[in-house]
Amino acid sequence: MDFCYKTANIWQIIGYVFLILKVIIPLILIILGIIDVGKAVISSDEKIIKDGVFSLLKRIIAGIIIFFIPTIIRIIFSFVAGFNEEIQEDFGNCFDCLTNPNGECDTSYDDGIFPTSN
């Protein structure tokens, strides 16, 4: 079974998107949270301050959850790949492409979805 090796380029692109989102989304959430708390502090209204801090906490939790996406992917792939060694190796490449697109992702399969022409 070579599904993940044949589609490695697609998984790698998705991995790059995840990598970018793992950096950008937490930064955006932190900046928006700081803006909300800053507005609340300037207003000097205790209810608005409380709402701003609560909003910041929700955004921090959302940012932390984004960092757990590779762990969730690993759990899902461990259930699927638990059948035999060949499937486990194939899905291991999908996991590598999703979580580490610059590193261990094997895109060298010649007859993949996007074959390289020489």
PDB file of N, CA and C in Angstrom:
ATOM      1  N   MET A   1       0.855  -1.184   0.000  1.00  0.00           N
ATOM      2  CA  MET A   1       0.000   0.000   0.000  1.00  0.00           C
ATOM      3  C   MET A   1       0.891   1.234   0.000  1.00  0.00           C
ATOM      4  N   ASP A   2       0.796   2.049  -1.003  1.00  0.00           N
ATOM      5  CA  ASP A   2       1.656   3.215  -1.151  1.00  0.00           C
ATOM      6  C   ASP A   2       0.873   4.518  -1.211  1.00  0.00           C
ATOM      7  N   PHE A   3      -0.276   4.555  -0.612  1.00  0.00           N
ATOM      8  CA  PHE A   3      -1.120   5.748  -0.691  1.00  0.00           C
ATOM      9  C   PHE A   3      -0.382   6.990  -0.213  1.00  0.00           C
ATOM     10  N   CYS A   4       0.247   6.917   0.941  1.00  0.00           N
ATOM     11  CA  CYS A   4       0.904   8.105   1.495  1.00  0.00           C
ATOM     12  C   CYS A   4       2.153   8.487   0.723  1.00  0.00           C
ATOM     13  N   TYR A   5       2.815   7.499   0.159  1.00  0.00           N
ATOM     14  CA  TYR A   5       3.982   7.829  -0.665  1.00  0.00           C
ATOM     15  C   TYR A   5       3.551   8.448  -1.991  1.00  0.00           C
ATOM     16  N   LYS A   6       2.438   7.969  -2.546  1.00  0.00           N
ATOM     17  CA  LYS A   6       1.939   8.524  -3.804  1.00  0.00           C
ATOM     18  C   LYS A   6       1.401   9.940  -3.628  1.00  0.00           C
ATOM     19  N   THR A   7       0.826  10.221  -2.475  1.00  0.00           N
ATOM     20  CA  THR A   7       0.210  11.526  -2.210  1.00  0.00           C
ATOM     21  C   THR A   7       1.056  12.394  -1.292  1.00  0.00           C
ATOM     22  N   ALA A   8       2.327  12.074  -1.154  1.00  0.00           N
ATOM     23  CA  ALA A   8       3.203  12.781  -0.210  1.00  0.00           C
ATOM     24  C   ALA A   8       3.288  14.273  -0.498  1.00  0.00           C
ATOM     25  N   ASN A   9       3.248  14.651  -1.766  1.00  0.00           N
ATOM     26  CA  ASN A   9       3.327  16.083  -2.092  1.00  0.00           C
ATOM     27  C   ASN A   9       2.135  16.850  -1.523  1.00  0.00           C
ATOM     28  N   ILE A  10       0.963  16.250  -1.598  1.00  0.00           N
ATOM     29  CA  ILE A  10      -0.236  16.900  -1.045  1.00  0.00           C
ATOM     30  C   ILE A  10      -0.128  17.005   0.466  1.00  0.00           C
ATOM     31  N   TRP A  11       0.289  15.906   1.117  1.00  0.00           N
ATOM     32  CA  TRP A  11       0.431  15.924   2.582  1.00  0.00           C
ATOM     33  C   TRP A  11       1.481  16.940   3.007  1.00  0.00           C
ATOM     34  N   GLN A  12       2.525  17.090   2.209  1.00  0.00           N
ATOM     35  CA  GLN A  12       3.571  18.053   2.525  1.00  0.00           C
ATOM     36  C   GLN A  12       3.037  19.485   2.437  1.00  0.00           C
ATOM     37  N   ILE A  13       2.240  19.769   1.415  1.00  0.00           N
ATOM     38  CA  ILE A  13       1.639  21.107   1.290  1.00  0.00           C
ATOM     39  C   ILE A  13       0.734  21.396   2.483  1.00  0.00           C
ATOM     40  N   ILE A  14      -0.082  20.412   2.863  1.00  0.00           N
ATOM     41  CA  ILE A  14      -0.947  20.574   4.039  1.00  0.00           C
ATOM     42  C   ILE A  14      -0.087  20.774   5.285  1.00  0.00           C
ATOM     43  N   GLY A  15       1.035  20.076   5.364  1.00  0.00           N
ATOM     44  CA  GLY A  15       1.953  20.246   6.490  1.00  0.00           C
ATOM     45  C   GLY A  15       2.510  21.653   6.571  1.00  0.00           C
ATOM     46  N   TYR A  16       2.858  22.228   5.414  1.00  0.00           N
ATOM     47  CA  TYR A  16       3.334  23.617   5.401  1.00  0.00           C
ATOM     48  C   TYR A  16       2.235  24.572   5.858  1.00  0.00           C
ATOM     49  N   VAL A  17       0.992  24.318   5.437  1.00  0.00           N
ATOM     50  CA  VAL A  17      -0.128  25.158   5.873  1.00  0.00           C
ATOM     51  C   VAL A  17      -0.277  25.068   7.385  1.00  0.00           C
ATOM     52  N   PHE A  18      -0.222  23.839   7.940  1.00  0.00           N
ATOM     53  CA  PHE A  18      -0.299  23.674   9.397  1.00  0.00           C
ATOM     54  C   PHE A  18       0.832  24.420  10.088  1.00  0.00           C
ATOM     55  N   LEU A  19       2.033  24.337   9.523  1.00  0.00           N
ATOM     56  CA  LEU A  19       3.188  25.006  10.119  1.00  0.00           C
ATOM     57  C   LEU A  19       2.980  26.520  10.173  1.00  0.00           C
ATOM     58  N   ILE A  20       2.494  27.083   9.091  1.00  0.00           N
ATOM     59  CA  ILE A  20       2.230  28.525   9.039  1.00  0.00           C
ATOM     60  C   ILE A  20       1.130  28.898  10.027  1.00  0.00           C
ATOM     61  N   LEU A  21       0.057  28.103  10.043  1.00  0.00           N
ATOM     62  CA  LEU A  21      -1.054  28.399  10.946  1.00  0.00           C
ATOM     63  C   LEU A  21      -0.648  28.279  12.409  1.00  0.00           C
ATOM     64  N   LYS A  22       0.260  27.339  12.714  1.00  0.00           N
ATOM     65  CA  LYS A  22       0.715  27.180  14.099  1.00  0.00           C
ATOM     66  C   LYS A  22       1.451  28.413  14.597  1.00  0.00           C
ATOM     67  N   VAL A  23       1.998  29.196  13.695  1.00  0.00           N
ATOM     68  CA  VAL A  23       2.711  30.407  14.091  1.00  0.00           C
ATOM     69  C   VAL A  23       1.786  31.622  14.042  1.00  0.00           C
ATOM     70  N   ILE A  24       1.055  31.767  12.953  1.00  0.00           N
ATOM     71  CA  ILE A  24       0.257  32.980  12.733  1.00  0.00           C
ATOM     72  C   ILE A  24      -0.943  33.062  13.670  1.00  0.00           C
ATOM     73  N   ILE A  25      -1.691  31.974  13.811  1.00  0.00           N
ATOM     74  CA  ILE A  25      -2.916  32.029  14.620  1.00  0.00           C
ATOM     75  C   ILE A  25      -2.643  32.387  16.078  1.00  0.00           C
ATOM     76  N   PRO A  26      -1.679  31.760  16.757  1.00  0.00           N
ATOM     77  CA  PRO A  26      -1.418  32.192  18.138  1.00  0.00           C
ATOM     78  C   PRO A  26      -0.992  33.659  18.235  1.00  0.00           C
ATOM     79  N   LEU A  27      -0.200  34.127  17.264  1.00  0.00           N
ATOM     80  CA  LEU A  27       0.202  35.540  17.296  1.00  0.00           C
ATOM     81  C   LEU A  27      -1.008  36.455  17.153  1.00  0.00           C
ATOM     82  N   ILE A  28      -1.878  36.128  16.215  1.00  0.00           N
ATOM     83  CA  ILE A  28      -3.093  36.940  16.026  1.00  0.00           C
ATOM     84  C   ILE A  28      -3.959  36.904  17.282  1.00  0.00           C
ATOM     85  N   LEU A  29      -4.109  35.715  17.873  1.00  0.00           N
ATOM     86  CA  LEU A  29      -4.932  35.593  19.080  1.00  0.00           C
ATOM     87  C   LEU A  29      -4.351  36.402  20.231  1.00  0.00           C
ATOM     88  N   ILE A  30      -3.044  36.375  20.391  1.00  0.00           N
ATOM     89  CA  ILE A  30      -2.406  37.138  21.466  1.00  0.00           C
ATOM     90  C   ILE A  30      -2.558  38.637  21.225  1.00  0.00           C
ATOM     91  N   ILE A  31      -2.337  39.071  19.991  1.00  0.00           N
ATOM     92  CA  ILE A  31      -2.470  40.503  19.686  1.00  0.00           C
ATOM     93  C   ILE A  31      -3.900  40.975  19.919  1.00  0.00           C
ATOM     94  N   LEU A  32      -4.886  40.207  19.437  1.00  0.00           N
ATOM     95  CA  LEU A  32      -6.286  40.592  19.657  1.00  0.00           C
ATOM     96  C   LEU A  32      -6.647  40.589  21.131  1.00  0.00           C
ATOM     97  N   GLY A  33      -6.109  39.627  21.878  1.00  0.00           N
ATOM     98  CA  GLY A  33      -6.373  39.577  23.315  1.00  0.00           C
ATOM     99  C   GLY A  33      -5.780  40.772  24.037  1.00  0.00           C
ATOM    100  N   ILE A  34      -4.573  41.160  23.664  1.00  0.00           N
ATOM    101  CA  ILE A  34      -3.948  42.330  24.279  1.00  0.00           C
ATOM    102  C   ILE A  34      -4.742  43.592  23.947  1.00  0.00           C
ATOM    103  N   ILE A  35      -5.223  43.695  22.728  1.00  0.00           N
ATOM    104  CA  ILE A  35      -6.039  44.856  22.343  1.00  0.00           C
ATOM    105  C   ILE A  35      -7.320  44.905  23.169  1.00  0.00           C
ATOM    106  N   ASP A  36      -7.977  43.739  23.333  1.00  0.00           N
ATOM    107  CA  ASP A  36      -9.209  43.692  24.127  1.00  0.00           C
ATOM    108  C   ASP A  36      -8.963  44.104  25.573  1.00  0.00           C
ATOM    109  N   VAL A  37      -7.899  43.572  26.166  1.00  0.00           N
ATOM    110  CA  VAL A  37      -7.597  43.911  27.567  1.00  0.00           C
ATOM    111  C   VAL A  37      -7.196  45.376  27.666  1.00  0.00           C
ATOM    112  N   GLY A  38      -6.438  45.861  26.693  1.00  0.00           N
ATOM    113  CA  GLY A  38      -6.053  47.277  26.700  1.00  0.00           C
ATOM    114  C   GLY A  38      -7.263  48.188  26.642  1.00  0.00           C
ATOM    115  N   LYS A  39      -8.221  47.879  25.770  1.00  0.00           N
ATOM    116  CA  LYS A  39      -9.452  48.673  25.695  1.00  0.00           C
ATOM    117  C   LYS A  39     -10.214  48.618  27.007  1.00  0.00           C
ATOM    118  N   ALA A  40     -10.240  47.433  27.609  1.00  0.00           N
ATOM    119  CA  ALA A  40     -10.973  47.274  28.861  1.00  0.00           C
ATOM    120  C   ALA A  40     -10.331  48.088  29.983  1.00  0.00           C
ATOM    121  N   VAL A  41      -9.017  48.054  30.056  1.00  0.00           N
ATOM    122  CA  VAL A  41      -8.321  48.802  31.112  1.00  0.00           C
ATOM    123  C   VAL A  41      -8.511  50.300  30.925  1.00  0.00           C
ATOM    124  N   ILE A  42      -8.483  50.757  29.681  1.00  0.00           N
ATOM    125  CA  ILE A  42      -8.676  52.185  29.418  1.00  0.00           C
ATOM    126  C   ILE A  42     -10.075  52.624  29.802  1.00  0.00           C
ATOM    127  N   SER A  43     -11.057  51.754  29.599  1.00  0.00           N
ATOM    128  CA  SER A  43     -12.441  52.129  29.911  1.00  0.00           C
ATOM    129  C   SER A  43     -12.705  52.212  31.407  1.00  0.00           C
ATOM    130  N   SER A  44     -11.907  51.556  32.227  1.00  0.00           N
ATOM    131  CA  SER A  44     -12.038  51.558  33.691  1.00  0.00           C
ATOM    132  C   SER A  44     -13.348  50.978  34.181  1.00  0.00           C
ATOM    133  N   ASP A  45     -14.076  50.260  33.342  1.00  0.00           N
ATOM    134  CA  ASP A  45     -15.307  49.598  33.750  1.00  0.00           C
ATOM    135  C   ASP A  45     -14.962  48.156  34.132  1.00  0.00           C
ATOM    136  N   GLU A  46     -15.281  47.790  35.359  1.00  0.00           N
ATOM    137  CA  GLU A  46     -14.897  46.476  35.866  1.00  0.00           C
ATOM    138  C   GLU A  46     -15.504  45.334  35.057  1.00  0.00           C
ATOM    139  N   LYS A  47     -16.736  45.493  34.608  1.00  0.00           N
ATOM    140  CA  LYS A  47     -17.380  44.441  33.813  1.00  0.00           C
ATOM    141  C   LYS A  47     -16.662  44.264  32.472  1.00  0.00           C
ATOM    142  N   ILE A  48     -16.276  45.370  31.849  1.00  0.00           N
ATOM    143  CA  ILE A  48     -15.572  45.298  30.569  1.00  0.00           C
ATOM    144  C   ILE A  48     -14.179  44.694  30.762  1.00  0.00           C
ATOM    145  N   ILE A  49     -13.507  45.022  31.877  1.00  0.00           N
ATOM    146  CA  ILE A  49     -12.204  44.433  32.178  1.00  0.00           C
ATOM    147  C   ILE A  49     -12.337  42.923  32.353  1.00  0.00           C
ATOM    148  N   LYS A  50     -13.362  42.515  33.086  1.00  0.00           N
ATOM    149  CA  LYS A  50     -13.599  41.083  33.314  1.00  0.00           C
ATOM    150  C   LYS A  50     -13.860  40.370  31.983  1.00  0.00           C
ATOM    151  N   ASP A  51     -14.680  40.969  31.131  1.00  0.00           N
ATOM    152  CA  ASP A  51     -14.959  40.374  29.816  1.00  0.00           C
ATOM    153  C   ASP A  51     -13.699  40.322  28.951  1.00  0.00           C
ATOM    154  N   GLY A  52     -12.864  41.349  29.010  1.00  0.00           N
ATOM    155  CA  GLY A  52     -11.620  41.383  28.239  1.00  0.00           C
ATOM    156  C   GLY A  52     -10.643  40.303  28.678  1.00  0.00           C
ATOM    157  N   VAL A  53     -10.515  40.118  29.982  1.00  0.00           N
ATOM    158  CA  VAL A  53      -9.625  39.081  30.506  1.00  0.00           C
ATOM    159  C   VAL A  53     -10.158  37.699  30.135  1.00  0.00           C
ATOM    160  N   PHE A  54     -11.482  37.507  30.239  1.00  0.00           N
ATOM    161  CA  PHE A  54     -12.084  36.231  29.858  1.00  0.00           C
ATOM    162  C   PHE A  54     -11.856  35.949  28.377  1.00  0.00           C
ATOM    163  N   SER A  55     -11.993  36.971  27.544  1.00  0.00           N
ATOM    164  CA  SER A  55     -11.741  36.830  26.111  1.00  0.00           C
ATOM    165  C   SER A  55     -10.279  36.469  25.852  1.00  0.00           C
ATOM    166  N   LEU A  56      -9.362  37.087  26.578  1.00  0.00           N
ATOM    167  CA  LEU A  56      -7.943  36.782  26.430  1.00  0.00           C
ATOM    168  C   LEU A  56      -7.661  35.334  26.823  1.00  0.00           C
ATOM    169  N   LEU A  57      -8.255  34.870  27.902  1.00  0.00           N
ATOM    170  CA  LEU A  57      -8.066  33.484  28.330  1.00  0.00           C
ATOM    171  C   LEU A  57      -8.580  32.500  27.289  1.00  0.00           C
ATOM    172  N   LYS A  58      -9.743  32.786  26.695  1.00  0.00           N
ATOM    173  CA  LYS A  58     -10.269  31.909  25.648  1.00  0.00           C
ATOM    174  C   LYS A  58      -9.322  31.871  24.455  1.00  0.00           C
ATOM    175  N   ARG A  59      -8.764  32.994  24.111  1.00  0.00           N
ATOM    176  CA  ARG A  59      -7.841  33.042  22.979  1.00  0.00           C
ATOM    177  C   ARG A  59      -6.538  32.310  23.284  1.00  0.00           C
ATOM    178  N   ILE A  60      -6.054  32.409  24.508  1.00  0.00           N
ATOM    179  CA  ILE A  60      -4.850  31.677  24.897  1.00  0.00           C
ATOM    180  C   ILE A  60      -5.097  30.170  24.823  1.00  0.00           C
ATOM    181  N   ILE A  61      -6.256  29.723  25.296  1.00  0.00           N
ATOM    182  CA  ILE A  61      -6.606  28.303  25.228  1.00  0.00           C
ATOM    183  C   ILE A  61      -6.690  27.850  23.777  1.00  0.00           C
ATOM    184  N   ALA A  62      -7.290  28.662  22.918  1.00  0.00           N
ATOM    185  CA  ALA A  62      -7.369  28.315  21.494  1.00  0.00           C
ATOM    186  C   ALA A  62      -5.972  28.215  20.886  1.00  0.00           C
ATOM    187  N   GLY A  63      -5.080  29.112  21.263  1.00  0.00           N
ATOM    188  CA  GLY A  63      -3.702  29.063  20.763  1.00  0.00           C
ATOM    189  C   GLY A  63      -2.971  27.812  21.223  1.00  0.00           C
ATOM    190  N   ILE A  64      -3.203  27.397  22.463  1.00  0.00           N
ATOM    191  CA  ILE A  64      -2.580  26.175  22.980  1.00  0.00           C
ATOM    192  C   ILE A  64      -3.113  24.950  22.247  1.00  0.00           C
ATOM    193  N   ILE A  65      -4.411  24.928  21.976  1.00  0.00           N
ATOM    194  CA  ILE A  65      -5.011  23.788  21.263  1.00  0.00           C
ATOM    195  C   ILE A  65      -4.390  23.631  19.886  1.00  0.00           C
ATOM    196  N   ILE A  66      -4.060  24.732  19.237  1.00  0.00           N
ATOM    197  CA  ILE A  66      -3.446  24.669  17.914  1.00  0.00           C
ATOM    198  C   ILE A  66      -2.116  23.920  17.972  1.00  0.00           C
ATOM    199  N   PHE A  67      -1.387  24.069  19.070  1.00  0.00           N
ATOM    200  CA  PHE A  67      -0.124  23.359  19.194  1.00  0.00           C
ATOM    201  C   PHE A  67      -0.314  21.860  19.413  1.00  0.00           C
ATOM    202  N   PHE A  68      -1.522  21.436  19.786  1.00  0.00           N
ATOM    203  CA  PHE A  68      -1.784  20.012  19.978  1.00  0.00           C
ATOM    204  C   PHE A  68      -2.270  19.322  18.708  1.00  0.00           C
ATOM    205  N   ILE A  69      -2.376  20.035  17.600  1.00  0.00           N
ATOM    206  CA  ILE A  69      -2.810  19.428  16.338  1.00  0.00           C
ATOM    207  C   ILE A  69      -1.900  18.259  15.944  1.00  0.00           C
ATOM    208  N   PRO A  70      -0.555  18.376  16.031  1.00  0.00           N
ATOM    209  CA  PRO A  70       0.273  17.206  15.691  1.00  0.00           C
ATOM    210  C   PRO A  70      -0.006  15.993  16.581  1.00  0.00           C
ATOM    211  N   THR A  71      -0.276  16.221  17.850  1.00  0.00           N
ATOM    212  CA  THR A  71      -0.586  15.114  18.748  1.00  0.00           C
ATOM    213  C   THR A  71      -1.899  14.454  18.360  1.00  0.00           C
ATOM    214  N   ILE A  72      -2.887  15.253  18.012  1.00  0.00           N
ATOM    215  CA  ILE A  72      -4.177  14.700  17.567  1.00  0.00           C
ATOM    216  C   ILE A  72      -3.986  13.905  16.285  1.00  0.00           C
ATOM    217  N   ILE A  73      -3.194  14.439  15.361  1.00  0.00           N
ATOM    218  CA  ILE A  73      -2.917  13.719  14.111  1.00  0.00           C
ATOM    219  C   ILE A  73      -2.197  12.406  14.412  1.00  0.00           C
ATOM    220  N   ARG A  74      -1.241  12.439  15.329  1.00  0.00           N
ATOM    221  CA  ARG A  74      -0.504  11.221  15.695  1.00  0.00           C
ATOM    222  C   ARG A  74      -1.454  10.164  16.264  1.00  0.00           C
ATOM    223  N   ILE A  75      -2.385  10.567  17.103  1.00  0.00           N
ATOM    224  CA  ILE A  75      -3.348   9.621  17.680  1.00  0.00           C
ATOM    225  C   ILE A  75      -4.221   9.014  16.591  1.00  0.00           C
ATOM    226  N   ILE A  76      -4.711   9.846  15.690  1.00  0.00           N
ATOM    227  CA  ILE A  76      -5.560   9.342  14.601  1.00  0.00           C
ATOM    228  C   ILE A  76      -4.780   8.359  13.728  1.00  0.00           C
ATOM    229  N   PHE A  77      -3.549   8.723  13.362  1.00  0.00           N
ATOM    230  CA  PHE A  77      -2.761   7.837  12.512  1.00  0.00           C
ATOM    231  C   PHE A  77      -2.340   6.567  13.248  1.00  0.00           C
ATOM    232  N   SER A  78      -2.171   6.632  14.562  1.00  0.00           N
ATOM    233  CA  SER A  78      -1.815   5.411  15.288  1.00  0.00           C
ATOM    234  C   SER A  78      -2.968   4.417  15.281  1.00  0.00           C
ATOM    235  N   PHE A  79      -4.218   4.905  15.301  1.00  0.00           N
ATOM    236  CA  PHE A  79      -5.361   3.993  15.197  1.00  0.00           C
ATOM    237  C   PHE A  79      -5.417   3.359  13.813  1.00  0.00           C
ATOM    238  N   VAL A  80      -5.214   4.162  12.784  1.00  0.00           N
ATOM    239  CA  VAL A  80      -5.295   3.664  11.411  1.00  0.00           C
ATOM    240  C   VAL A  80      -4.106   2.766  11.094  1.00  0.00           C
ATOM    241  N   ALA A  81      -2.927   3.156  11.539  1.00  0.00           N
ATOM    242  CA  ALA A  81      -1.712   2.443  11.167  1.00  0.00           C
ATOM    243  C   ALA A  81      -1.436   1.230  12.039  1.00  0.00           C
ATOM    244  N   GLY A  82      -2.300   0.906  12.963  1.00  0.00           N
ATOM    245  CA  GLY A  82      -2.054  -0.202  13.864  1.00  0.00           C
ATOM    246  C   GLY A  82      -2.298  -1.571  13.271  1.00  0.00           C
ATOM    247  N   PHE A  83      -2.548  -1.675  11.984  1.00  0.00           N
ATOM    248  CA  PHE A  83      -2.922  -2.955  11.383  1.00  0.00           C
ATOM    249  C   PHE A  83      -1.715  -3.832  11.081  1.00  0.00           C
ATOM    250  N   ASN A  84      -0.831  -3.425  10.220  1.00  0.00           N
ATOM    251  CA  ASN A  84       0.373  -4.211   9.943  1.00  0.00           C
ATOM    252  C   ASN A  84       1.535  -3.277   9.648  1.00  0.00           C
ATOM    253  N   GLU A  85       2.718  -3.863   9.511  1.00  0.00           N
ATOM    254  CA  GLU A  85       3.934  -3.063   9.362  1.00  0.00           C
ATOM    255  C   GLU A  85       3.945  -2.220   8.084  1.00  0.00           C
ATOM    256  N   GLU A  86       3.463  -2.777   6.981  1.00  0.00           N
ATOM    257  CA  GLU A  86       3.470  -2.052   5.704  1.00  0.00           C
ATOM    258  C   GLU A  86       2.575  -0.822   5.772  1.00  0.00           C
ATOM    259  N   ILE A  87       1.366  -0.988   6.308  1.00  0.00           N
ATOM    260  CA  ILE A  87       0.446   0.146   6.445  1.00  0.00           C
ATOM    261  C   ILE A  87       1.000   1.155   7.437  1.00  0.00           C
ATOM    262  N   GLN A  88       1.602   0.657   8.508  1.00  0.00           N
ATOM    263  CA  GLN A  88       2.158   1.550   9.514  1.00  0.00           C
ATOM    264  C   GLN A  88       3.279   2.408   8.928  1.00  0.00           C
ATOM    265  N   GLU A  89       4.125   1.825   8.106  1.00  0.00           N
ATOM    266  CA  GLU A  89       5.199   2.589   7.473  1.00  0.00           C
ATOM    267  C   GLU A  89       4.640   3.619   6.501  1.00  0.00           C
ATOM    268  N   ASP A  90       3.627   3.217   5.729  1.00  0.00           N
ATOM    269  CA  ASP A  90       3.013   4.128   4.764  1.00  0.00           C
ATOM    270  C   ASP A  90       2.365   5.311   5.464  1.00  0.00           C
ATOM    271  N   PHE A  91       1.567   5.054   6.482  1.00  0.00           N
ATOM    272  CA  PHE A  91       0.919   6.144   7.201  1.00  0.00           C
ATOM    273  C   PHE A  91       1.914   6.951   8.024  1.00  0.00           C
ATOM    274  N   GLY A  92       3.030   6.337   8.369  1.00  0.00           N
ATOM    275  CA  GLY A  92       4.094   7.090   9.033  1.00  0.00           C
ATOM    276  C   GLY A  92       4.616   8.204   8.144  1.00  0.00           C
ATOM    277  N   ASN A  93       4.680   7.945   6.837  1.00  0.00           N
ATOM    278  CA  ASN A  93       5.106   8.995   5.908  1.00  0.00           C
ATOM    279  C   ASN A  93       4.070  10.122   5.856  1.00  0.00           C
ATOM    280  N   CYS A  94       2.777   9.782   5.866  1.00  0.00           N
ATOM    281  CA  CYS A  94       1.735  10.826   5.916  1.00  0.00           C
ATOM    282  C   CYS A  94       1.923  11.695   7.152  1.00  0.00           C
ATOM    283  N   PHE A  95       2.160  11.037   8.290  1.00  0.00           N
ATOM    284  CA  PHE A  95       2.339  11.770   9.540  1.00  0.00           C
ATOM    285  C   PHE A  95       3.563  12.676   9.461  1.00  0.00           C
ATOM    286  N   ASP A  96       4.668  12.139   8.922  1.00  0.00           N
ATOM    287  CA  ASP A  96       5.881  12.950   8.802  1.00  0.00           C
ATOM    288  C   ASP A  96       5.658  14.158   7.905  1.00  0.00           C
ATOM    289  N   CYS A  97       4.926  13.965   6.814  1.00  0.00           N
ATOM    290  CA  CYS A  97       4.659  15.075   5.887  1.00  0.00           C
ATOM    291  C   CYS A  97       3.754  16.125   6.525  1.00  0.00           C
ATOM    292  N   LEU A  98       2.811  15.699   7.349  1.00  0.00           N
ATOM    293  CA  LEU A  98       1.903  16.645   7.996  1.00  0.00           C
ATOM    294  C   LEU A  98       2.564  17.403   9.134  1.00  0.00           C
ATOM    295  N   THR A  99       3.391  16.733   9.910  1.00  0.00           N
ATOM    296  CA  THR A  99       3.931  17.363  11.115  1.00  0.00           C
ATOM    297  C   THR A  99       5.337  17.929  10.939  1.00  0.00           C
ATOM    298  N   ASN A 100       6.063  17.455   9.934  1.00  0.00           N
ATOM    299  CA  ASN A 100       7.418  17.938   9.706  1.00  0.00           C
ATOM    300  C   ASN A 100       7.698  17.977   8.205  1.00  0.00           C
ATOM    301  N   PRO A 101       7.062  18.894   7.479  1.00  0.00           N
ATOM    302  CA  PRO A 101       7.180  18.899   6.016  1.00  0.00           C
ATOM    303  C   PRO A 101       8.599  19.180   5.510  1.00  0.00           C
ATOM    304  N   ASN A 102       9.431  19.818   6.309  1.00  0.00           N
ATOM    305  CA  ASN A 102      10.803  20.105   5.898  1.00  0.00           C
ATOM    306  C   ASN A 102      11.748  18.942   6.151  1.00  0.00           C
ATOM    307  N   GLY A 103      11.340  18.022   7.025  1.00  0.00           N
ATOM    308  CA  GLY A 103      12.270  17.004   7.484  1.00  0.00           C
ATOM    309  C   GLY A 103      12.129  15.655   6.832  1.00  0.00           C
ATOM    310  N   GLU A 104      11.447  14.763   7.494  1.00  0.00           N
ATOM    311  CA  GLU A 104      11.445  13.350   7.138  1.00  0.00           C
ATOM    312  C   GLU A 104      10.395  12.966   6.099  1.00  0.00           C
ATOM    313  N   CYS A 105       9.728  13.904   5.500  1.00  0.00           N
ATOM    314  CA  CYS A 105       8.699  13.621   4.504  1.00  0.00           C
ATOM    315  C   CYS A 105       9.356  13.069   3.239  1.00  0.00           C
ATOM    316  N   ASP A 106       8.967  11.858   2.843  1.00  0.00           N
ATOM    317  CA  ASP A 106       9.546  11.205   1.670  1.00  0.00           C
ATOM    318  C   ASP A 106       8.657  11.463   0.453  1.00  0.00           C
ATOM    319  N   THR A 107       9.087  12.386  -0.397  1.00  0.00           N
ATOM    320  CA  THR A 107       8.337  12.712  -1.616  1.00  0.00           C
ATOM    321  C   THR A 107       9.030  12.160  -2.851  1.00  0.00           C
ATOM    322  N   SER A 108       9.859  11.143  -2.675  1.00  0.00           N
ATOM    323  CA  SER A 108      10.662  10.626  -3.782  1.00  0.00           C
ATOM    324  C   SER A 108       9.933   9.591  -4.635  1.00  0.00           C
ATOM    325  N   TYR A 109       8.702   9.279  -4.321  1.00  0.00           N
ATOM    326  CA  TYR A 109       7.954   8.277  -5.090  1.00  0.00           C
ATOM    327  C   TYR A 109       7.730   8.805  -6.501  1.00  0.00           C
ATOM    328  N   ASP A 110       8.164   8.057  -7.526  1.00  0.00           N
ATOM    329  CA  ASP A 110       8.152   8.541  -8.909  1.00  0.00           C
ATOM    330  C   ASP A 110       6.778   8.541  -9.555  1.00  0.00           C
ATOM    331  N   ASP A 111       5.910   7.609  -9.208  1.00  0.00           N
ATOM    332  CA  ASP A 111       4.612   7.504  -9.859  1.00  0.00           C
ATOM    333  C   ASP A 111       3.509   8.087  -8.992  1.00  0.00           C
ATOM    334  N   GLY A 112       3.788   9.154  -8.284  1.00  0.00           N
ATOM    335  CA  GLY A 112       2.809   9.749  -7.395  1.00  0.00           C
ATOM    336  C   GLY A 112       1.742  10.514  -8.160  1.00  0.00           C
ATOM    337  N   ILE A 113       0.921  11.215  -7.444  1.00  0.00           N
ATOM    338  CA  ILE A 113      -0.140  12.004  -8.055  1.00  0.00           C
ATOM    339  C   ILE A 113       0.450  13.093  -8.929  1.00  0.00           C
ATOM    340  N   PHE A 114       1.562  13.676  -8.483  1.00  0.00           N
ATOM    341  CA  PHE A 114       2.246  14.697  -9.276  1.00  0.00           C
ATOM    342  C   PHE A 114       3.602  14.135  -9.695  1.00  0.00           C
ATOM    343  N   PRO A 115       3.642  13.245 -10.699  1.00  0.00           N
ATOM    344  CA  PRO A 115       4.925  12.642 -11.072  1.00  0.00           C
ATOM    345  C   PRO A 115       5.881  13.688 -11.630  1.00  0.00           C
ATOM    346  N   THR A 116       7.139  13.470 -11.322  1.00  0.00           N
ATOM    347  CA  THR A 116       8.155  14.370 -11.840  1.00  0.00           C
ATOM    348  C   THR A 116       8.594  13.880 -13.204  1.00  0.00           C
ATOM    349  N   SER A 117       8.710  14.782 -14.148  1.00  0.00           N
ATOM    350  CA  SER A 117       9.115  14.396 -15.503  1.00  0.00           C
ATOM    351  C   SER A 117      10.578  14.750 -15.692  1.00  0.00           C
ATOM    352  N   ASN A 118      11.326  13.803 -16.184  1.00  0.00           N
ATOM    353  CA  ASN A 118      12.765  14.020 -16.395  1.00  0.00           C
ATOM    354  C   ASN A 118      13.069  14.113 -17.862  1.00  0.00           C
TER     355      ASN A 118
END
